[in-house]
């Protein structure tokens, strides 16, 4: 049996509480995430041509997207574009592929765009509209962003055939703010920036995920939660990484709780890759507790 399975049993949980895989079932509805999701819903309900959601790596954007996809009505056809690199022709092909519309051999850009437009009109005639979501949109070139603006020109008057949602890292906002993309920026009707959680938010986040996983008592002490916040600066993905390993360490030490010393041990052992830089500390350790956990199983 794996170490993870052992620590789940050790803490009387049903499942692993801090997986890095985006899971809407574990979505924490803090003020920041409520605001971001409300803006997504606002963009969808008001049929905004372009909705923009940004946040640091690991801020929870993808998890919110998955929750949004669960809540869309049957009259919305959704296409998700994860590969946001390429020129204008490639972006159109990726968009068509996301909508299960493959390009034909020898098909020119004009042919493909005409078929794309016909598809949108067909969906509209059937009482549906199309939502295209572009993840990691900070990788889009200016040429590609201009192409997306041209997509929205297919909408006419009160008839919205297509909506775009762009999700990306903070630099996406800077790119769109450039003078040569003013026309694109004017099409953005709804936008929100996901900020990291504060110390109180991190404590609530940890407690929430543990409850969803089946916890019935406190596992992370208040001091441990503060140590997690200090190390991660409130970025959800980093919080998950640190808490997950800290639980393995606590299990290996046969401790019923995760305390601040356990969290600091994980950090001192250099296992929180990607964390914000902290001043070096004089910490003497007996070596990674993770090795003890491996020996135990």
C-alpha atoms as a PDB file:
ATOM      1  CA  UNK A   1       0.000   0.000   0.000  1.00  0.00           C
ATOM      2  CA  UNK A   2       1.284   3.515  -0.819  1.00  0.00           C
ATOM      3  CA  UNK A   3       2.302   6.167   1.693  1.00  0.00           C
ATOM      4  CA  UNK A   4      -0.618   8.320   0.498  1.00  0.00           C
ATOM      5  CA  UNK A   5      -3.105   5.536   1.244  1.00  0.00           C
ATOM      6  CA  UNK A   6      -1.581   5.098   4.705  1.00  0.00           C
ATOM      7  CA  UNK A   7      -1.849   8.808   5.550  1.00  0.00           C
ATOM      8  CA  UNK A   8      -5.481   8.877   4.409  1.00  0.00           C
ATOM      9  CA  UNK A   9      -6.226   6.067   6.871  1.00  0.00           C
ATOM     10  CA  UNK A  10      -4.052   7.666   9.553  1.00  0.00           C
ATOM     11  CA  UNK A  11      -6.134  10.865   9.505  1.00  0.00           C
ATOM     12  CA  UNK A  12      -9.458   9.024   8.980  1.00  0.00           C
ATOM     13  CA  UNK A  13     -10.115  10.614   5.596  1.00  0.00           C
ATOM     14  CA  UNK A  14     -12.071   9.332   2.611  1.00  0.00           C
ATOM     15  CA  UNK A  15      -9.697  10.712   0.006  1.00  0.00           C
ATOM     16  CA  UNK A  16      -6.601  12.802  -0.504  1.00  0.00           C
ATOM     17  CA  UNK A  17      -7.513  16.412   0.375  1.00  0.00           C
ATOM     18  CA  UNK A  18      -4.721  18.319  -1.358  1.00  0.00           C
ATOM     19  CA  UNK A  19      -4.397  16.830  -4.841  1.00  0.00           C
ATOM     20  CA  UNK A  20      -2.986  19.152  -7.510  1.00  0.00           C
ATOM     21  CA  UNK A  21      -5.584  17.972 -10.044  1.00  0.00           C
ATOM     22  CA  UNK A  22      -8.288  20.664 -10.501  1.00  0.00           C
ATOM     23  CA  UNK A  23     -11.440  19.291  -8.858  1.00  0.00           C
ATOM     24  CA  UNK A  24     -14.622  21.417  -8.649  1.00  0.00           C
ATOM     25  CA  UNK A  25     -15.809  19.255  -5.734  1.00  0.00           C
ATOM     26  CA  UNK A  26     -13.048  20.803  -3.617  1.00  0.00           C
ATOM     27  CA  UNK A  27     -13.620  24.363  -4.818  1.00  0.00           C
ATOM     28  CA  UNK A  28     -13.200  26.819  -1.936  1.00  0.00           C
ATOM     29  CA  UNK A  29     -15.642  29.701  -2.166  1.00  0.00           C
ATOM     30  CA  UNK A  30     -13.562  32.462  -0.630  1.00  0.00           C
ATOM     31  CA  UNK A  31     -14.249  36.131  -1.491  1.00  0.00           C
ATOM     32  CA  UNK A  32     -11.742  36.145  -4.362  1.00  0.00           C
ATOM     33  CA  UNK A  33     -13.052  32.977  -6.010  1.00  0.00           C
ATOM     34  CA  UNK A  34     -16.670  34.062  -5.539  1.00  0.00           C
ATOM     35  CA  UNK A  35     -15.858  37.334  -7.269  1.00  0.00           C
ATOM     36  CA  UNK A  36     -14.109  35.614 -10.175  1.00  0.00           C
ATOM     37  CA  UNK A  37     -16.906  33.117 -10.699  1.00  0.00           C
ATOM     38  CA  UNK A  38     -19.551  35.826 -10.441  1.00  0.00           C
ATOM     39  CA  UNK A  39     -17.766  37.710 -13.210  1.00  0.00           C
ATOM     40  CA  UNK A  40     -17.635  34.556 -15.354  1.00  0.00           C
ATOM     41  CA  UNK A  41     -21.370  34.069 -14.861  1.00  0.00           C
ATOM     42  CA  UNK A  42     -22.003  37.749 -15.539  1.00  0.00           C
ATOM     43  CA  UNK A  43     -20.112  37.520 -18.830  1.00  0.00           C
ATOM     44  CA  UNK A  44     -22.015  34.402 -19.807  1.00  0.00           C
ATOM     45  CA  UNK A  45     -25.459  35.706 -18.818  1.00  0.00           C
ATOM     46  CA  UNK A  46     -25.020  39.127 -20.418  1.00  0.00           C
ATOM     47  CA  UNK A  47     -23.503  37.506 -23.520  1.00  0.00           C
ATOM     48  CA  UNK A  48     -20.333  39.568 -23.257  1.00  0.00           C
ATOM     49  CA  UNK A  49     -18.244  39.292 -26.450  1.00  0.00           C
ATOM     50  CA  UNK A  50     -15.061  38.723 -24.427  1.00  0.00           C
ATOM     51  CA  UNK A  51     -14.616  37.825 -20.749  1.00  0.00           C
ATOM     52  CA  UNK A  52     -11.121  38.061 -19.260  1.00  0.00           C
ATOM     53  CA  UNK A  53      -9.994  36.145 -16.145  1.00  0.00           C
ATOM     54  CA  UNK A  54      -6.375  36.416 -14.962  1.00  0.00           C
ATOM     55  CA  UNK A  55      -4.364  35.230 -11.986  1.00  0.00           C
ATOM     56  CA  UNK A  56      -0.953  33.953 -10.956  1.00  0.00           C
ATOM     57  CA  UNK A  57       0.087  30.374 -11.715  1.00  0.00           C
ATOM     58  CA  UNK A  58      -1.815  28.093  -9.344  1.00  0.00           C
ATOM     59  CA  UNK A  59      -4.404  30.711  -8.358  1.00  0.00           C
ATOM     60  CA  UNK A  60      -7.336  28.377  -9.129  1.00  0.00           C
ATOM     61  CA  UNK A  61      -8.373  29.607 -12.578  1.00  0.00           C
ATOM     62  CA  UNK A  62      -8.673  26.137 -14.112  1.00  0.00           C
ATOM     63  CA  UNK A  63     -10.746  24.823 -11.196  1.00  0.00           C
ATOM     64  CA  UNK A  64     -13.162  27.721 -11.638  1.00  0.00           C
ATOM     65  CA  UNK A  65     -13.349  26.960 -15.354  1.00  0.00           C
ATOM     66  CA  UNK A  66     -14.298  23.350 -14.670  1.00  0.00           C
ATOM     67  CA  UNK A  67     -17.010  24.515 -12.285  1.00  0.00           C
ATOM     68  CA  UNK A  68     -18.308  26.923 -14.924  1.00  0.00           C
ATOM     69  CA  UNK A  69     -18.486  24.100 -17.464  1.00  0.00           C
ATOM     70  CA  UNK A  70     -20.622  22.110 -15.025  1.00  0.00           C
ATOM     71  CA  UNK A  71     -23.127  24.925 -14.734  1.00  0.00           C
ATOM     72  CA  UNK A  72     -23.661  25.977 -18.366  1.00  0.00           C
ATOM     73  CA  UNK A  73     -27.101  25.387 -19.833  1.00  0.00           C
ATOM     74  CA  UNK A  74     -27.831  22.964 -22.656  1.00  0.00           C
ATOM     75  CA  UNK A  75     -28.240  25.836 -25.107  1.00  0.00           C
ATOM     76  CA  UNK A  76     -24.529  26.688 -24.881  1.00  0.00           C
ATOM     77  CA  UNK A  77     -22.010  24.799 -27.028  1.00  0.00           C
ATOM     78  CA  UNK A  78     -18.600  24.924 -25.343  1.00  0.00           C
ATOM     79  CA  UNK A  79     -15.178  24.537 -26.932  1.00  0.00           C
ATOM     80  CA  UNK A  80     -11.957  24.581 -24.873  1.00  0.00           C
ATOM     81  CA  UNK A  81      -8.700  25.614 -26.563  1.00  0.00           C
ATOM     82  CA  UNK A  82      -5.643  24.701 -24.482  1.00  0.00           C
ATOM     83  CA  UNK A  83      -3.038  25.238 -27.211  1.00  0.00           C
ATOM     84  CA  UNK A  84      -2.955  29.012 -27.592  1.00  0.00           C
ATOM     85  CA  UNK A  85       0.176  29.275 -29.706  1.00  0.00           C
ATOM     86  CA  UNK A  86       0.197  29.802 -33.458  1.00  0.00           C
ATOM     87  CA  UNK A  87      -0.693  32.296 -36.162  1.00  0.00           C
ATOM     88  CA  UNK A  88      -4.195  33.429 -37.114  1.00  0.00           C
ATOM     89  CA  UNK A  89      -4.852  30.395 -39.315  1.00  0.00           C
ATOM     90  CA  UNK A  90      -3.747  27.973 -36.601  1.00  0.00           C
ATOM     91  CA  UNK A  91      -5.900  29.674 -33.958  1.00  0.00           C
ATOM     92  CA  UNK A  92      -8.927  29.239 -36.218  1.00  0.00           C
ATOM     93  CA  UNK A  93      -8.092  25.580 -36.743  1.00  0.00           C
ATOM     94  CA  UNK A  94      -7.692  25.018 -32.986  1.00  0.00           C
ATOM     95  CA  UNK A  95     -11.050  26.713 -32.418  1.00  0.00           C
ATOM     96  CA  UNK A  96     -12.745  24.511 -35.002  1.00  0.00           C
ATOM     97  CA  UNK A  97     -11.137  21.400 -33.520  1.00  0.00           C
ATOM     98  CA  UNK A  98     -12.410  22.378 -30.060  1.00  0.00           C
ATOM     99  CA  UNK A  99     -15.909  22.455 -31.545  1.00  0.00           C
ATOM    100  CA  UNK A 100     -15.443  19.032 -33.196  1.00  0.00           C
ATOM    101  CA  UNK A 101     -15.192  20.666 -36.619  1.00  0.00           C
ATOM    102  CA  UNK A 102     -12.092  19.324 -38.369  1.00  0.00           C
ATOM    103  CA  UNK A 103     -10.381  21.154 -41.214  1.00  0.00           C
ATOM    104  CA  UNK A 104     -10.435  19.481 -44.607  1.00  0.00           C
ATOM    105  CA  UNK A 105      -7.250  18.719 -46.635  1.00  0.00           C
ATOM    106  CA  UNK A 106      -6.365  21.640 -48.876  1.00  0.00           C
ATOM    107  CA  UNK A 107      -8.900  23.927 -47.182  1.00  0.00           C
ATOM    108  CA  UNK A 108      -7.796  27.579 -47.329  1.00  0.00           C
ATOM    109  CA  UNK A 109      -8.164  30.089 -44.523  1.00  0.00           C
ATOM    110  CA  UNK A 110     -11.077  31.705 -46.329  1.00  0.00           C
ATOM    111  CA  UNK A 111     -12.805  28.344 -46.714  1.00  0.00           C
ATOM    112  CA  UNK A 112     -12.236  27.492 -43.058  1.00  0.00           C
ATOM    113  CA  UNK A 113     -13.494  30.851 -41.792  1.00  0.00           C
ATOM    114  CA  UNK A 114     -16.572  30.576 -43.984  1.00  0.00           C
ATOM    115  CA  UNK A 115     -17.315  27.153 -42.534  1.00  0.00           C
ATOM    116  CA  UNK A 116     -16.698  28.470 -39.004  1.00  0.00           C
ATOM    117  CA  UNK A 117     -19.197  31.267 -39.594  1.00  0.00           C
ATOM    118  CA  UNK A 118     -21.723  28.844 -41.073  1.00  0.00           C
ATOM    119  CA  UNK A 119     -21.349  26.606 -38.017  1.00  0.00           C
ATOM    120  CA  UNK A 120     -22.105  29.508 -35.672  1.00  0.00           C
ATOM    121  CA  UNK A 121     -25.168  30.460 -37.709  1.00  0.00           C
ATOM    122  CA  UNK A 122     -26.384  26.846 -37.700  1.00  0.00           C
ATOM    123  CA  UNK A 123     -26.061  26.679 -33.902  1.00  0.00           C
ATOM    124  CA  UNK A 124     -27.887  29.985 -33.543  1.00  0.00           C
ATOM    125  CA  UNK A 125     -30.707  28.759 -35.793  1.00  0.00           C
ATOM    126  CA  UNK A 126     -30.974  25.707 -33.512  1.00  0.00           C
ATOM    127  CA  UNK A 127     -31.427  27.993 -30.493  1.00  0.00           C
ATOM    128  CA  UNK A 128     -27.845  27.655 -29.283  1.00  0.00           C
ATOM    129  CA  UNK A 129     -24.807  29.894 -28.907  1.00  0.00           C
ATOM    130  CA  UNK A 130     -21.136  29.020 -28.888  1.00  0.00           C
ATOM    131  CA  UNK A 131     -18.696  29.659 -26.031  1.00  0.00           C
ATOM    132  CA  UNK A 132     -14.974  29.358 -26.836  1.00  0.00           C
ATOM    133  CA  UNK A 133     -12.607  29.247 -23.849  1.00  0.00           C
ATOM    134  CA  UNK A 134      -8.897  29.931 -24.369  1.00  0.00           C
ATOM    135  CA  UNK A 135      -6.732  28.724 -21.469  1.00  0.00           C
ATOM    136  CA  UNK A 136      -3.160  29.996 -20.964  1.00  0.00           C
ATOM    137  CA  UNK A 137      -4.171  32.925 -23.155  1.00  0.00           C
ATOM    138  CA  UNK A 138      -1.062  34.935 -22.224  1.00  0.00           C
ATOM    139  CA  UNK A 139       0.660  32.839 -24.905  1.00  0.00           C
ATOM    140  CA  UNK A 140      -1.524  34.295 -27.653  1.00  0.00           C
ATOM    141  CA  UNK A 141       0.342  36.519 -30.086  1.00  0.00           C
ATOM    142  CA  UNK A 142      -0.960  39.954 -30.991  1.00  0.00           C
ATOM    143  CA  UNK A 143      -1.900  38.559 -34.388  1.00  0.00           C
ATOM    144  CA  UNK A 144      -3.908  35.804 -32.702  1.00  0.00           C
ATOM    145  CA  UNK A 145      -5.660  38.287 -30.388  1.00  0.00           C
ATOM    146  CA  UNK A 146      -6.605  40.374 -33.391  1.00  0.00           C
ATOM    147  CA  UNK A 147      -7.984  37.227 -35.005  1.00  0.00           C
ATOM    148  CA  UNK A 148     -10.152  36.609 -31.932  1.00  0.00           C
ATOM    149  CA  UNK A 149     -11.464  40.161 -32.192  1.00  0.00           C
ATOM    150  CA  UNK A 150     -12.438  39.408 -35.761  1.00  0.00           C
ATOM    151  CA  UNK A 151     -14.320  36.337 -34.496  1.00  0.00           C
ATOM    152  CA  UNK A 152     -16.571  38.626 -32.449  1.00  0.00           C
ATOM    153  CA  UNK A 153     -17.426  40.613 -35.599  1.00  0.00           C
ATOM    154  CA  UNK A 154     -19.569  37.635 -36.619  1.00  0.00           C
ATOM    155  CA  UNK A 155     -22.022  38.785 -33.939  1.00  0.00           C
ATOM    156  CA  UNK A 156     -24.571  41.163 -35.395  1.00  0.00           C
ATOM    157  CA  UNK A 157     -26.751  43.609 -33.497  1.00  0.00           C
ATOM    158  CA  UNK A 158     -28.554  41.816 -30.686  1.00  0.00           C
ATOM    159  CA  UNK A 159     -27.694  38.400 -32.049  1.00  0.00           C
ATOM    160  CA  UNK A 160     -24.738  36.920 -30.132  1.00  0.00           C
ATOM    161  CA  UNK A 161     -23.569  33.818 -31.945  1.00  0.00           C
ATOM    162  CA  UNK A 162     -20.192  33.570 -30.207  1.00  0.00           C
ATOM    163  CA  UNK A 163     -18.656  34.428 -26.847  1.00  0.00           C
ATOM    164  CA  UNK A 164     -15.009  34.220 -25.882  1.00  0.00           C
ATOM    165  CA  UNK A 165     -13.495  33.602 -22.430  1.00  0.00           C
ATOM    166  CA  UNK A 166      -9.753  34.235 -22.100  1.00  0.00           C
ATOM    167  CA  UNK A 167      -8.003  32.821 -19.037  1.00  0.00           C
ATOM    168  CA  UNK A 168      -4.359  33.530 -18.373  1.00  0.00           C
ATOM    169  CA  UNK A 169      -1.573  34.849 -16.204  1.00  0.00           C
ATOM    170  CA  UNK A 170      -1.293  38.546 -15.159  1.00  0.00           C
ATOM    171  CA  UNK A 171       0.825  39.511 -18.169  1.00  0.00           C
ATOM    172  CA  UNK A 172      -2.235  38.934 -20.358  1.00  0.00           C
ATOM    173  CA  UNK A 173      -3.737  42.141 -18.953  1.00  0.00           C
ATOM    174  CA  UNK A 174      -0.572  44.040 -19.816  1.00  0.00           C
ATOM    175  CA  UNK A 175      -0.594  42.690 -23.370  1.00  0.00           C
ATOM    176  CA  UNK A 176      -4.218  43.693 -23.917  1.00  0.00           C
ATOM    177  CA  UNK A 177      -3.535  47.175 -22.495  1.00  0.00           C
ATOM    178  CA  UNK A 178      -1.064  47.951 -25.300  1.00  0.00           C
ATOM    179  CA  UNK A 179      -2.133  50.826 -27.612  1.00  0.00           C
ATOM    180  CA  UNK A 180      -2.187  48.586 -30.698  1.00  0.00           C
ATOM    181  CA  UNK A 181      -4.807  46.351 -29.042  1.00  0.00           C
ATOM    182  CA  UNK A 182      -7.242  49.099 -28.053  1.00  0.00           C
ATOM    183  CA  UNK A 183      -9.989  47.688 -30.281  1.00  0.00           C
ATOM    184  CA  UNK A 184      -9.589  44.283 -28.653  1.00  0.00           C
ATOM    185  CA  UNK A 185      -9.679  45.771 -25.144  1.00  0.00           C
ATOM    186  CA  UNK A 186     -12.916  47.572 -25.987  1.00  0.00           C
ATOM    187  CA  UNK A 187     -14.574  44.199 -26.661  1.00  0.00           C
ATOM    188  CA  UNK A 188     -13.766  42.978 -23.117  1.00  0.00           C
ATOM    189  CA  UNK A 189     -17.062  43.436 -21.278  1.00  0.00           C
ATOM    190  CA  UNK A 190     -16.275  41.422 -18.124  1.00  0.00           C
ATOM    191  CA  UNK A 191     -12.938  40.899 -16.396  1.00  0.00           C
ATOM    192  CA  UNK A 192     -11.522  39.838 -13.040  1.00  0.00           C
ATOM    193  CA  UNK A 193      -8.066  39.267 -11.545  1.00  0.00           C
ATOM    194  CA  UNK A 194      -7.668  36.403  -9.043  1.00  0.00           C
ATOM    195  CA  UNK A 195      -5.433  37.510  -6.188  1.00  0.00           C
ATOM    196  CA  UNK A 196      -3.746  35.097  -3.742  1.00  0.00           C
ATOM    197  CA  UNK A 197      -5.528  34.347  -0.455  1.00  0.00           C
ATOM    198  CA  UNK A 198      -4.699  36.168   2.766  1.00  0.00           C
ATOM    199  CA  UNK A 199      -3.700  34.353   5.977  1.00  0.00           C
ATOM    200  CA  UNK A 200      -7.288  33.886   7.104  1.00  0.00           C
ATOM    201  CA  UNK A 201      -8.268  32.638   3.669  1.00  0.00           C
ATOM    202  CA  UNK A 202      -5.491  30.032   3.702  1.00  0.00           C
ATOM    203  CA  UNK A 203      -6.653  28.695   7.093  1.00  0.00           C
ATOM    204  CA  UNK A 204     -10.254  28.496   5.855  1.00  0.00           C
ATOM    205  CA  UNK A 205      -9.106  26.896   2.592  1.00  0.00           C
ATOM    206  CA  UNK A 206      -7.163  24.182   4.415  1.00  0.00           C
ATOM    207  CA  UNK A 207     -10.078  23.455   6.759  1.00  0.00           C
ATOM    208  CA  UNK A 208     -12.528  23.358   3.834  1.00  0.00           C
ATOM    209  CA  UNK A 209     -10.550  20.834   1.797  1.00  0.00           C
ATOM    210  CA  UNK A 210     -10.065  18.618   4.819  1.00  0.00           C
ATOM    211  CA  UNK A 211     -13.812  18.658   5.549  1.00  0.00           C
ATOM    212  CA  UNK A 212     -14.607  17.703   1.947  1.00  0.00           C
ATOM    213  CA  UNK A 213     -12.120  14.817   2.271  1.00  0.00           C
ATOM    214  CA  UNK A 214     -13.918  13.585   5.399  1.00  0.00           C
ATOM    215  CA  UNK A 215     -12.068  15.190   8.326  1.00  0.00           C
ATOM    216  CA  UNK A 216     -14.122  15.472  11.523  1.00  0.00           C
ATOM    217  CA  UNK A 217     -11.472  17.108  13.720  1.00  0.00           C
ATOM    218  CA  UNK A 218      -8.701  19.688  13.417  1.00  0.00           C
ATOM    219  CA  UNK A 219      -5.671  18.314  11.568  1.00  0.00           C
ATOM    220  CA  UNK A 220      -3.658  21.489  10.842  1.00  0.00           C
ATOM    221  CA  UNK A 221      -3.019  23.630  13.896  1.00  0.00           C
ATOM    222  CA  UNK A 222      -3.520  27.417  13.586  1.00  0.00           C
ATOM    223  CA  UNK A 223       0.252  27.843  13.763  1.00  0.00           C
ATOM    224  CA  UNK A 224       0.700  25.342  10.928  1.00  0.00           C
ATOM    225  CA  UNK A 225      -1.792  27.275   8.791  1.00  0.00           C
ATOM    226  CA  UNK A 226       0.139  30.486   9.387  1.00  0.00           C
ATOM    227  CA  UNK A 227       3.379  28.741   8.425  1.00  0.00           C
ATOM    228  CA  UNK A 228       1.732  27.481   5.213  1.00  0.00           C
ATOM    229  CA  UNK A 229       0.568  31.007   4.360  1.00  0.00           C
ATOM    230  CA  UNK A 230       4.034  32.480   4.974  1.00  0.00           C
ATOM    231  CA  UNK A 231       5.693  29.894   2.743  1.00  0.00           C
ATOM    232  CA  UNK A 232       3.168  30.015  -0.112  1.00  0.00           C
ATOM    233  CA  UNK A 233       1.959  33.622   0.035  1.00  0.00           C
ATOM    234  CA  UNK A 234      -1.585  32.328  -0.402  1.00  0.00           C
ATOM    235  CA  UNK A 235      -1.241  30.662  -3.836  1.00  0.00           C
ATOM    236  CA  UNK A 236      -3.671  27.683  -3.778  1.00  0.00           C
ATOM    237  CA  UNK A 237      -1.512  25.275  -5.794  1.00  0.00           C
ATOM    238  CA  UNK A 238       1.464  25.853  -3.505  1.00  0.00           C
ATOM    239  CA  UNK A 239      -0.784  25.474  -0.460  1.00  0.00           C
ATOM    240  CA  UNK A 240      -1.888  22.083  -1.799  1.00  0.00           C
ATOM    241  CA  UNK A 241       1.691  20.940  -2.439  1.00  0.00           C
ATOM    242  CA  UNK A 242       2.921  21.969   0.993  1.00  0.00           C
ATOM    243  CA  UNK A 243      -0.069  20.579   2.905  1.00  0.00           C
ATOM    244  CA  UNK A 244       0.057  17.261   1.074  1.00  0.00           C
ATOM    245  CA  UNK A 245       3.712  16.647   1.912  1.00  0.00           C
ATOM    246  CA  UNK A 246       3.247  17.938   5.474  1.00  0.00           C
ATOM    247  CA  UNK A 247       0.559  15.303   6.014  1.00  0.00           C
ATOM    248  CA  UNK A 248       2.964  12.594   4.830  1.00  0.00           C
ATOM    249  CA  UNK A 249       5.552  13.913   7.297  1.00  0.00           C
ATOM    250  CA  UNK A 250       3.027  13.962  10.157  1.00  0.00           C
ATOM    251  CA  UNK A 251       1.966  10.410   9.309  1.00  0.00           C
ATOM    252  CA  UNK A 252       5.581   9.228   9.282  1.00  0.00           C
ATOM    253  CA  UNK A 253       6.033  10.727  12.766  1.00  0.00           C
ATOM    254  CA  UNK A 254       2.770   9.102  13.942  1.00  0.00           C
ATOM    255  CA  UNK A 255       1.417  12.543  14.834  1.00  0.00           C
ATOM    256  CA  UNK A 256      -2.375  13.078  14.951  1.00  0.00           C
ATOM    257  CA  UNK A 257      -1.980  16.670  13.731  1.00  0.00           C
ATOM    258  CA  UNK A 258       0.196  18.762  11.428  1.00  0.00           C
ATOM    259  CA  UNK A 259       1.937  21.464  13.444  1.00  0.00           C
ATOM    260  CA  UNK A 260       4.123  24.405  12.434  1.00  0.00           C
ATOM    261  CA  UNK A 261       7.318  22.417  13.045  1.00  0.00           C
ATOM    262  CA  UNK A 262       6.210  19.799  10.528  1.00  0.00           C
ATOM    263  CA  UNK A 263       5.485  22.464   7.903  1.00  0.00           C
ATOM    264  CA  UNK A 264       8.840  24.114   8.515  1.00  0.00           C
ATOM    265  CA  UNK A 265      10.561  20.729   8.208  1.00  0.00           C
ATOM    266  CA  UNK A 266       9.083  20.213   4.743  1.00  0.00           C
ATOM    267  CA  UNK A 267      10.335  23.650   3.699  1.00  0.00           C
ATOM    268  CA  UNK A 268      13.788  23.095   5.230  1.00  0.00           C
ATOM    269  CA  UNK A 269      14.095  19.834   3.302  1.00  0.00           C
ATOM    270  CA  UNK A 270      13.558  21.774   0.064  1.00  0.00           C
ATOM    271  CA  UNK A 271      10.417  19.906  -1.002  1.00  0.00           C
ATOM    272  CA  UNK A 272       8.272  22.960  -1.795  1.00  0.00           C
ATOM    273  CA  UNK A 273       9.520  23.545  -5.341  1.00  0.00           C
ATOM    274  CA  UNK A 274       8.310  26.800  -6.908  1.00  0.00           C
ATOM    275  CA  UNK A 275       7.673  28.601  -3.628  1.00  0.00           C
ATOM    276  CA  UNK A 276       8.506  32.301  -3.174  1.00  0.00           C
ATOM    277  CA  UNK A 277      12.077  32.864  -2.029  1.00  0.00           C
ATOM    278  CA  UNK A 278      12.552  33.223   1.720  1.00  0.00           C
ATOM    279  CA  UNK A 279      15.579  34.403   3.715  1.00  0.00           C
ATOM    280  CA  UNK A 280      17.900  31.544   4.595  1.00  0.00           C
ATOM    281  CA  UNK A 281      17.426  30.216   8.104  1.00  0.00           C
ATOM    282  CA  UNK A 282      19.745  28.303  10.428  1.00  0.00           C
ATOM    283  CA  UNK A 283      17.781  25.080  10.653  1.00  0.00           C
ATOM    284  CA  UNK A 284      19.323  21.838  11.819  1.00  0.00           C
ATOM    285  CA  UNK A 285      17.422  18.715  10.822  1.00  0.00           C
ATOM    286  CA  UNK A 286      17.863  14.986  11.073  1.00  0.00           C
ATOM    287  CA  UNK A 287      17.047  14.577   7.382  1.00  0.00           C
ATOM    288  CA  UNK A 288      13.776  14.343   5.459  1.00  0.00           C
ATOM    289  CA  UNK A 289      10.998  12.657   7.362  1.00  0.00           C
ATOM    290  CA  UNK A 290       9.745  11.456   3.975  1.00  0.00           C
ATOM    291  CA  UNK A 291      12.508   8.858   4.019  1.00  0.00           C
ATOM    292  CA  UNK A 292      11.104   7.508   7.294  1.00  0.00           C
ATOM    293  CA  UNK A 293       7.688   7.242   5.661  1.00  0.00           C
ATOM    294  CA  UNK A 294       9.142   5.222   2.814  1.00  0.00           C
ATOM    295  CA  UNK A 295      10.874   2.842   5.222  1.00  0.00           C
ATOM    296  CA  UNK A 296       7.662   2.408   7.162  1.00  0.00           C
ATOM    297  CA  UNK A 297       5.736   1.190   4.116  1.00  0.00           C
END
